[in-house]
């Protein structure tokens, strides 16, 4: 479908600004091939959009790092209380999202000091949820992270977080990345499978938890 003259003018102005030009006449007054010009300008506009998104990603990553550093100043007990009481995560959820066992979290709750790496994992999870809440207010982030992203697949936001996709999740929460594009980044072949390597189960404490599926090879071993 052809673009209107007004749409073409706007495209031309965006591309010109991206290349340092500040004075662009009305494109409808120019005796040129408008459709051809639109094709020529589509490249610079696409590059401009990619640069903007790249900048957003860098800002989100920087923000998350700064928040993580600030959260890491708090004691583990404070972070655990924040995640469980204020944010609604079960102890099982916290353990899985930090890559430790439930018994390790139990020891932290009893006053044992986690390793520096695990303390940072706690801080990053707390920082991620804070940032998520600010850019896209979610009443119950713990439940949101455990919900299926699409009906036809078992993958959840928690699964992507565990695989280092926190920036993609924040981009999705902001509305800059659709759920299908989010999953395409995670796994281009996700449509051919109905389940991820992770699953949500009910743990021994009665709360939902995230655990890796046992494959046939794992079961044999």
C-alpha atoms as a PDB file:
ATOM      1  CA  UNK A   1       0.000   0.000   0.000  1.00  0.00           C
ATOM      2  CA  UNK A   2       1.375   3.418  -0.986  1.00  0.00           C
ATOM      3  CA  UNK A   3       2.299   5.923   1.708  1.00  0.00           C
ATOM      4  CA  UNK A   4       0.525   9.265   1.823  1.00  0.00           C
ATOM      5  CA  UNK A   5       2.422  12.453   0.986  1.00  0.00           C
ATOM      6  CA  UNK A   6       2.294  13.484   4.642  1.00  0.00           C
ATOM      7  CA  UNK A   7       3.743  10.136   5.782  1.00  0.00           C
ATOM      8  CA  UNK A   8       6.501  10.359   3.178  1.00  0.00           C
ATOM      9  CA  UNK A   9       7.319  13.896   4.284  1.00  0.00           C
ATOM     10  CA  UNK A  10       7.645  12.744   7.893  1.00  0.00           C
ATOM     11  CA  UNK A  11       9.924   9.869   6.860  1.00  0.00           C
ATOM     12  CA  UNK A  12      12.091  12.267   4.858  1.00  0.00           C
ATOM     13  CA  UNK A  13      12.394  14.661   7.785  1.00  0.00           C
ATOM     14  CA  UNK A  14      13.352  11.890  10.226  1.00  0.00           C
ATOM     15  CA  UNK A  15      16.047  10.603   7.897  1.00  0.00           C
ATOM     16  CA  UNK A  16      17.375  14.081   7.202  1.00  0.00           C
ATOM     17  CA  UNK A  17      17.621  14.909  10.887  1.00  0.00           C
ATOM     18  CA  UNK A  18      19.465  11.629  11.460  1.00  0.00           C
ATOM     19  CA  UNK A  19      22.016  12.786   8.893  1.00  0.00           C
ATOM     20  CA  UNK A  20      22.430  16.258  10.388  1.00  0.00           C
ATOM     21  CA  UNK A  21      20.112  18.259   8.127  1.00  0.00           C
ATOM     22  CA  UNK A  22      17.760  20.666   9.911  1.00  0.00           C
ATOM     23  CA  UNK A  23      15.854  22.305   7.050  1.00  0.00           C
ATOM     24  CA  UNK A  24      13.633  20.016   4.978  1.00  0.00           C
ATOM     25  CA  UNK A  25      11.019  21.419   2.568  1.00  0.00           C
ATOM     26  CA  UNK A  26       7.594  19.881   2.112  1.00  0.00           C
ATOM     27  CA  UNK A  27       8.251  16.771   0.065  1.00  0.00           C
ATOM     28  CA  UNK A  28       4.950  17.226  -1.808  1.00  0.00           C
ATOM     29  CA  UNK A  29       6.422  20.323  -3.491  1.00  0.00           C
ATOM     30  CA  UNK A  30       9.499  18.556  -4.862  1.00  0.00           C
ATOM     31  CA  UNK A  31       9.435  17.359  -8.506  1.00  0.00           C
ATOM     32  CA  UNK A  32      10.937  13.959  -7.700  1.00  0.00           C
ATOM     33  CA  UNK A  33       9.972  10.303  -7.547  1.00  0.00           C
ATOM     34  CA  UNK A  34       8.361  10.213  -4.106  1.00  0.00           C
ATOM     35  CA  UNK A  35       8.066   6.441  -3.912  1.00  0.00           C
ATOM     36  CA  UNK A  36      11.695   6.087  -4.954  1.00  0.00           C
ATOM     37  CA  UNK A  37      12.762   8.580  -2.319  1.00  0.00           C
ATOM     38  CA  UNK A  38      10.839   6.659   0.325  1.00  0.00           C
ATOM     39  CA  UNK A  39      12.758   3.510  -0.576  1.00  0.00           C
ATOM     40  CA  UNK A  40      16.067   5.382  -0.343  1.00  0.00           C
ATOM     41  CA  UNK A  41      15.182   6.879   3.043  1.00  0.00           C
ATOM     42  CA  UNK A  42      13.920   3.639   4.581  1.00  0.00           C
ATOM     43  CA  UNK A  43      17.483   2.501   5.195  1.00  0.00           C
ATOM     44  CA  UNK A  44      18.591   5.538   7.236  1.00  0.00           C
ATOM     45  CA  UNK A  45      15.330   5.507   9.203  1.00  0.00           C
ATOM     46  CA  UNK A  46      15.787   1.828  10.044  1.00  0.00           C
ATOM     47  CA  UNK A  47      19.354   2.487  11.166  1.00  0.00           C
ATOM     48  CA  UNK A  48      18.124   5.387  13.278  1.00  0.00           C
ATOM     49  CA  UNK A  49      15.518   3.197  14.969  1.00  0.00           C
ATOM     50  CA  UNK A  50      18.119   0.515  15.644  1.00  0.00           C
ATOM     51  CA  UNK A  51      20.444   3.121  17.174  1.00  0.00           C
ATOM     52  CA  UNK A  52      17.651   4.377  19.429  1.00  0.00           C
ATOM     53  CA  UNK A  53      16.839   0.873  20.650  1.00  0.00           C
ATOM     54  CA  UNK A  54      20.518   0.116  21.191  1.00  0.00           C
ATOM     55  CA  UNK A  55      20.725   3.246  23.311  1.00  0.00           C
ATOM     56  CA  UNK A  56      17.704   2.174  25.324  1.00  0.00           C
ATOM     57  CA  UNK A  57      19.249  -1.217  26.000  1.00  0.00           C
ATOM     58  CA  UNK A  58      22.478   0.366  27.202  1.00  0.00           C
ATOM     59  CA  UNK A  59      20.564   2.701  29.519  1.00  0.00           C
ATOM     60  CA  UNK A  60      18.493  -0.167  30.961  1.00  0.00           C
ATOM     61  CA  UNK A  61      21.611  -2.273  31.544  1.00  0.00           C
ATOM     62  CA  UNK A  62      23.393   0.654  33.180  1.00  0.00           C
ATOM     63  CA  UNK A  63      20.352   1.387  35.360  1.00  0.00           C
ATOM     64  CA  UNK A  64      20.060  -2.253  36.431  1.00  0.00           C
ATOM     65  CA  UNK A  65      23.776  -2.398  37.289  1.00  0.00           C
ATOM     66  CA  UNK A  66      23.562   0.781  39.368  1.00  0.00           C
ATOM     67  CA  UNK A  67      20.476  -0.421  41.218  1.00  0.00           C
ATOM     68  CA  UNK A  68      22.099  -3.792  41.837  1.00  0.00           C
ATOM     69  CA  UNK A  69      25.159  -2.109  43.331  1.00  0.00           C
ATOM     70  CA  UNK A  70      22.940  -0.030  45.609  1.00  0.00           C
ATOM     71  CA  UNK A  71      20.859  -3.039  46.707  1.00  0.00           C
ATOM     72  CA  UNK A  72      24.020  -5.046  47.407  1.00  0.00           C
ATOM     73  CA  UNK A  73      24.815  -2.692  50.285  1.00  0.00           C
ATOM     74  CA  UNK A  74      21.893  -4.154  52.231  1.00  0.00           C
ATOM     75  CA  UNK A  75      22.131  -7.314  54.308  1.00  0.00           C
ATOM     76  CA  UNK A  76      20.840 -10.553  52.832  1.00  0.00           C
ATOM     77  CA  UNK A  77      18.041 -10.676  55.420  1.00  0.00           C
ATOM     78  CA  UNK A  78      16.806  -7.278  54.276  1.00  0.00           C
ATOM     79  CA  UNK A  79      16.798  -8.351  50.619  1.00  0.00           C
ATOM     80  CA  UNK A  80      15.016 -11.609  51.453  1.00  0.00           C
ATOM     81  CA  UNK A  81      12.344  -9.760  53.400  1.00  0.00           C
ATOM     82  CA  UNK A  82      11.878  -7.301  50.548  1.00  0.00           C
ATOM     83  CA  UNK A  83      11.486 -10.048  47.948  1.00  0.00           C
ATOM     84  CA  UNK A  84       9.190 -12.231  50.029  1.00  0.00           C
ATOM     85  CA  UNK A  85       7.054  -9.786  51.997  1.00  0.00           C
ATOM     86  CA  UNK A  86       7.006  -6.740  49.714  1.00  0.00           C
ATOM     87  CA  UNK A  87       7.173  -8.480  46.341  1.00  0.00           C
ATOM     88  CA  UNK A  88       5.404 -11.771  47.007  1.00  0.00           C
ATOM     89  CA  UNK A  89       8.075 -14.277  45.999  1.00  0.00           C
ATOM     90  CA  UNK A  90       8.088 -17.636  47.770  1.00  0.00           C
ATOM     91  CA  UNK A  91      11.339 -18.897  49.264  1.00  0.00           C
ATOM     92  CA  UNK A  92      11.418 -21.520  46.522  1.00  0.00           C
ATOM     93  CA  UNK A  93      11.107 -18.854  43.834  1.00  0.00           C
ATOM     94  CA  UNK A  94      13.913 -16.788  45.362  1.00  0.00           C
ATOM     95  CA  UNK A  95      16.141 -19.843  45.593  1.00  0.00           C
ATOM     96  CA  UNK A  96      15.638 -20.816  41.938  1.00  0.00           C
ATOM     97  CA  UNK A  97      15.980 -17.268  40.602  1.00  0.00           C
ATOM     98  CA  UNK A  98      19.243 -16.907  42.509  1.00  0.00           C
ATOM     99  CA  UNK A  99      20.528 -20.315  41.441  1.00  0.00           C
ATOM    100  CA  UNK A 100      20.667 -21.887  44.908  1.00  0.00           C
ATOM    101  CA  UNK A 101      18.779 -24.518  46.893  1.00  0.00           C
ATOM    102  CA  UNK A 102      15.893 -23.777  49.227  1.00  0.00           C
ATOM    103  CA  UNK A 103      18.056 -24.953  52.111  1.00  0.00           C
ATOM    104  CA  UNK A 104      20.614 -22.258  51.244  1.00  0.00           C
ATOM    105  CA  UNK A 105      17.904 -19.604  51.471  1.00  0.00           C
ATOM    106  CA  UNK A 106      16.800 -21.119  54.765  1.00  0.00           C
ATOM    107  CA  UNK A 107      20.344 -20.702  56.101  1.00  0.00           C
ATOM    108  CA  UNK A 108      20.422 -17.071  54.973  1.00  0.00           C
ATOM    109  CA  UNK A 109      17.156 -16.476  56.788  1.00  0.00           C
ATOM    110  CA  UNK A 110      18.780 -17.946  59.912  1.00  0.00           C
ATOM    111  CA  UNK A 111      21.620 -15.440  59.722  1.00  0.00           C
ATOM    112  CA  UNK A 112      24.231 -17.230  57.634  1.00  0.00           C
ATOM    113  CA  UNK A 113      26.047 -14.879  55.276  1.00  0.00           C
ATOM    114  CA  UNK A 114      25.772 -15.781  51.567  1.00  0.00           C
ATOM    115  CA  UNK A 115      28.822 -15.692  49.324  1.00  0.00           C
ATOM    116  CA  UNK A 116      29.523 -12.356  47.575  1.00  0.00           C
ATOM    117  CA  UNK A 117      28.288 -13.823  44.285  1.00  0.00           C
ATOM    118  CA  UNK A 118      25.000 -15.019  45.794  1.00  0.00           C
ATOM    119  CA  UNK A 119      24.508 -11.763  47.645  1.00  0.00           C
ATOM    120  CA  UNK A 120      24.810  -9.990  44.307  1.00  0.00           C
ATOM    121  CA  UNK A 121      22.285 -12.408  42.779  1.00  0.00           C
ATOM    122  CA  UNK A 122      19.838 -11.443  45.525  1.00  0.00           C
ATOM    123  CA  UNK A 123      20.541  -7.764  44.960  1.00  0.00           C
ATOM    124  CA  UNK A 124      20.096  -8.068  41.181  1.00  0.00           C
ATOM    125  CA  UNK A 125      16.763  -9.833  41.547  1.00  0.00           C
ATOM    126  CA  UNK A 126      15.523  -7.126  43.927  1.00  0.00           C
ATOM    127  CA  UNK A 127      16.820  -4.409  41.589  1.00  0.00           C
ATOM    128  CA  UNK A 128      15.216  -6.057  38.548  1.00  0.00           C
ATOM    129  CA  UNK A 129      11.808  -6.221  40.245  1.00  0.00           C
ATOM    130  CA  UNK A 130      12.086  -2.574  41.343  1.00  0.00           C
ATOM    131  CA  UNK A 131      12.902  -1.478  37.811  1.00  0.00           C
ATOM    132  CA  UNK A 132      10.166  -3.666  36.371  1.00  0.00           C
ATOM    133  CA  UNK A 133       7.642  -2.089  38.728  1.00  0.00           C
ATOM    134  CA  UNK A 134       8.709   1.436  37.776  1.00  0.00           C
ATOM    135  CA  UNK A 135       8.654   1.099  34.000  1.00  0.00           C
ATOM    136  CA  UNK A 136       5.503  -1.045  33.838  1.00  0.00           C
ATOM    137  CA  UNK A 137       3.654  -1.131  37.181  1.00  0.00           C
ATOM    138  CA  UNK A 138       2.722  -4.740  37.892  1.00  0.00           C
ATOM    139  CA  UNK A 139       0.593  -5.417  40.965  1.00  0.00           C
ATOM    140  CA  UNK A 140       2.092  -8.864  41.599  1.00  0.00           C
ATOM    141  CA  UNK A 141       5.506  -9.247  39.927  1.00  0.00           C
ATOM    142  CA  UNK A 142       6.066 -12.708  41.411  1.00  0.00           C
ATOM    143  CA  UNK A 143       2.916 -14.074  39.769  1.00  0.00           C
ATOM    144  CA  UNK A 144       3.643 -12.221  36.530  1.00  0.00           C
ATOM    145  CA  UNK A 145       7.071 -13.824  36.290  1.00  0.00           C
ATOM    146  CA  UNK A 146       5.579 -17.302  36.700  1.00  0.00           C
ATOM    147  CA  UNK A 147       2.768 -16.849  34.166  1.00  0.00           C
ATOM    148  CA  UNK A 148       3.029 -18.285  30.672  1.00  0.00           C
ATOM    149  CA  UNK A 149       4.029 -15.630  28.161  1.00  0.00           C
ATOM    150  CA  UNK A 150       1.861 -17.295  25.494  1.00  0.00           C
ATOM    151  CA  UNK A 151      -0.775 -20.008  25.713  1.00  0.00           C
ATOM    152  CA  UNK A 152       0.970 -22.338  23.260  1.00  0.00           C
ATOM    153  CA  UNK A 153       4.247 -22.593  25.190  1.00  0.00           C
ATOM    154  CA  UNK A 154       5.234 -23.175  28.813  1.00  0.00           C
ATOM    155  CA  UNK A 155       7.970 -20.535  28.882  1.00  0.00           C
ATOM    156  CA  UNK A 156       7.606 -17.787  31.503  1.00  0.00           C
ATOM    157  CA  UNK A 157       9.358 -14.527  32.292  1.00  0.00           C
ATOM    158  CA  UNK A 158      11.195 -16.349  35.094  1.00  0.00           C
ATOM    159  CA  UNK A 159      12.647 -18.793  32.573  1.00  0.00           C
ATOM    160  CA  UNK A 160      14.009 -15.939  30.471  1.00  0.00           C
ATOM    161  CA  UNK A 161      15.377 -14.190  33.560  1.00  0.00           C
ATOM    162  CA  UNK A 162      17.272 -17.351  34.492  1.00  0.00           C
ATOM    163  CA  UNK A 163      18.799 -17.417  31.017  1.00  0.00           C
ATOM    164  CA  UNK A 164      20.101 -13.855  31.268  1.00  0.00           C
ATOM    165  CA  UNK A 165      17.284 -12.152  29.348  1.00  0.00           C
ATOM    166  CA  UNK A 166      16.502  -9.490  31.939  1.00  0.00           C
ATOM    167  CA  UNK A 167      17.058  -6.635  29.460  1.00  0.00           C
ATOM    168  CA  UNK A 168      14.706  -8.237  26.917  1.00  0.00           C
ATOM    169  CA  UNK A 169      12.081  -8.647  29.648  1.00  0.00           C
ATOM    170  CA  UNK A 170      12.344  -4.985  30.608  1.00  0.00           C
ATOM    171  CA  UNK A 171      12.058  -3.985  26.946  1.00  0.00           C
ATOM    172  CA  UNK A 172       8.957  -6.173  26.674  1.00  0.00           C
ATOM    173  CA  UNK A 173       7.466  -4.701  29.864  1.00  0.00           C
ATOM    174  CA  UNK A 174       7.983  -1.190  28.505  1.00  0.00           C
ATOM    175  CA  UNK A 175       5.998  -2.068  25.397  1.00  0.00           C
ATOM    176  CA  UNK A 176       8.956  -1.773  23.014  1.00  0.00           C
ATOM    177  CA  UNK A 177       9.133  -5.502  22.291  1.00  0.00           C
ATOM    178  CA  UNK A 178       6.149  -7.714  21.510  1.00  0.00           C
ATOM    179  CA  UNK A 179       5.842 -11.098  23.169  1.00  0.00           C
ATOM    180  CA  UNK A 180       6.453 -13.006  19.924  1.00  0.00           C
ATOM    181  CA  UNK A 181       9.559 -10.949  19.165  1.00  0.00           C
ATOM    182  CA  UNK A 182      10.697 -11.519  22.751  1.00  0.00           C
ATOM    183  CA  UNK A 183      10.423 -15.270  22.301  1.00  0.00           C
ATOM    184  CA  UNK A 184      12.097 -15.098  18.882  1.00  0.00           C
ATOM    185  CA  UNK A 185      15.126 -13.524  20.520  1.00  0.00           C
ATOM    186  CA  UNK A 186      15.126 -16.230  23.152  1.00  0.00           C
ATOM    187  CA  UNK A 187      14.762 -19.097  20.710  1.00  0.00           C
ATOM    188  CA  UNK A 188      13.925 -18.657  17.011  1.00  0.00           C
ATOM    189  CA  UNK A 189      12.532 -22.215  16.981  1.00  0.00           C
ATOM    190  CA  UNK A 190      10.260 -21.831  20.019  1.00  0.00           C
ATOM    191  CA  UNK A 191       7.107 -22.318  17.928  1.00  0.00           C
ATOM    192  CA  UNK A 192       8.127 -25.890  17.097  1.00  0.00           C
ATOM    193  CA  UNK A 193       8.218 -26.856  20.775  1.00  0.00           C
ATOM    194  CA  UNK A 194       5.491 -26.527  23.394  1.00  0.00           C
ATOM    195  CA  UNK A 195       7.710 -26.509  26.456  1.00  0.00           C
ATOM    196  CA  UNK A 196      10.933 -24.927  27.678  1.00  0.00           C
ATOM    197  CA  UNK A 197      13.778 -26.490  29.604  1.00  0.00           C
ATOM    198  CA  UNK A 198      12.200 -25.089  32.781  1.00  0.00           C
ATOM    199  CA  UNK A 199       8.909 -25.799  34.502  1.00  0.00           C
ATOM    200  CA  UNK A 200       6.844 -24.410  37.365  1.00  0.00           C
ATOM    201  CA  UNK A 201       6.089 -26.984  40.066  1.00  0.00           C
ATOM    202  CA  UNK A 202       4.724 -27.031  43.600  1.00  0.00           C
ATOM    203  CA  UNK A 203       7.662 -27.397  45.984  1.00  0.00           C
ATOM    204  CA  UNK A 204       7.731 -29.277  49.282  1.00  0.00           C
ATOM    205  CA  UNK A 205       6.860 -26.084  51.174  1.00  0.00           C
ATOM    206  CA  UNK A 206       3.605 -25.771  49.225  1.00  0.00           C
ATOM    207  CA  UNK A 207       4.769 -22.838  47.106  1.00  0.00           C
ATOM    208  CA  UNK A 208       5.344 -22.724  43.374  1.00  0.00           C
ATOM    209  CA  UNK A 209       8.922 -23.131  42.268  1.00  0.00           C
ATOM    210  CA  UNK A 210      10.943 -23.104  39.053  1.00  0.00           C
ATOM    211  CA  UNK A 211      12.996 -26.158  38.191  1.00  0.00           C
ATOM    212  CA  UNK A 212      14.769 -27.520  35.144  1.00  0.00           C
ATOM    213  CA  UNK A 213      12.981 -30.383  33.410  1.00  0.00           C
ATOM    214  CA  UNK A 214      14.509 -33.828  33.642  1.00  0.00           C
ATOM    215  CA  UNK A 215      15.358 -34.936  30.122  1.00  0.00           C
ATOM    216  CA  UNK A 216      15.664 -38.590  29.203  1.00  0.00           C
ATOM    217  CA  UNK A 217      19.471 -38.287  29.292  1.00  0.00           C
ATOM    218  CA  UNK A 218      19.367 -36.754  32.753  1.00  0.00           C
ATOM    219  CA  UNK A 219      17.015 -39.449  33.967  1.00  0.00           C
ATOM    220  CA  UNK A 220      19.413 -42.162  32.795  1.00  0.00           C
ATOM    221  CA  UNK A 221      22.317 -40.518  34.568  1.00  0.00           C
END
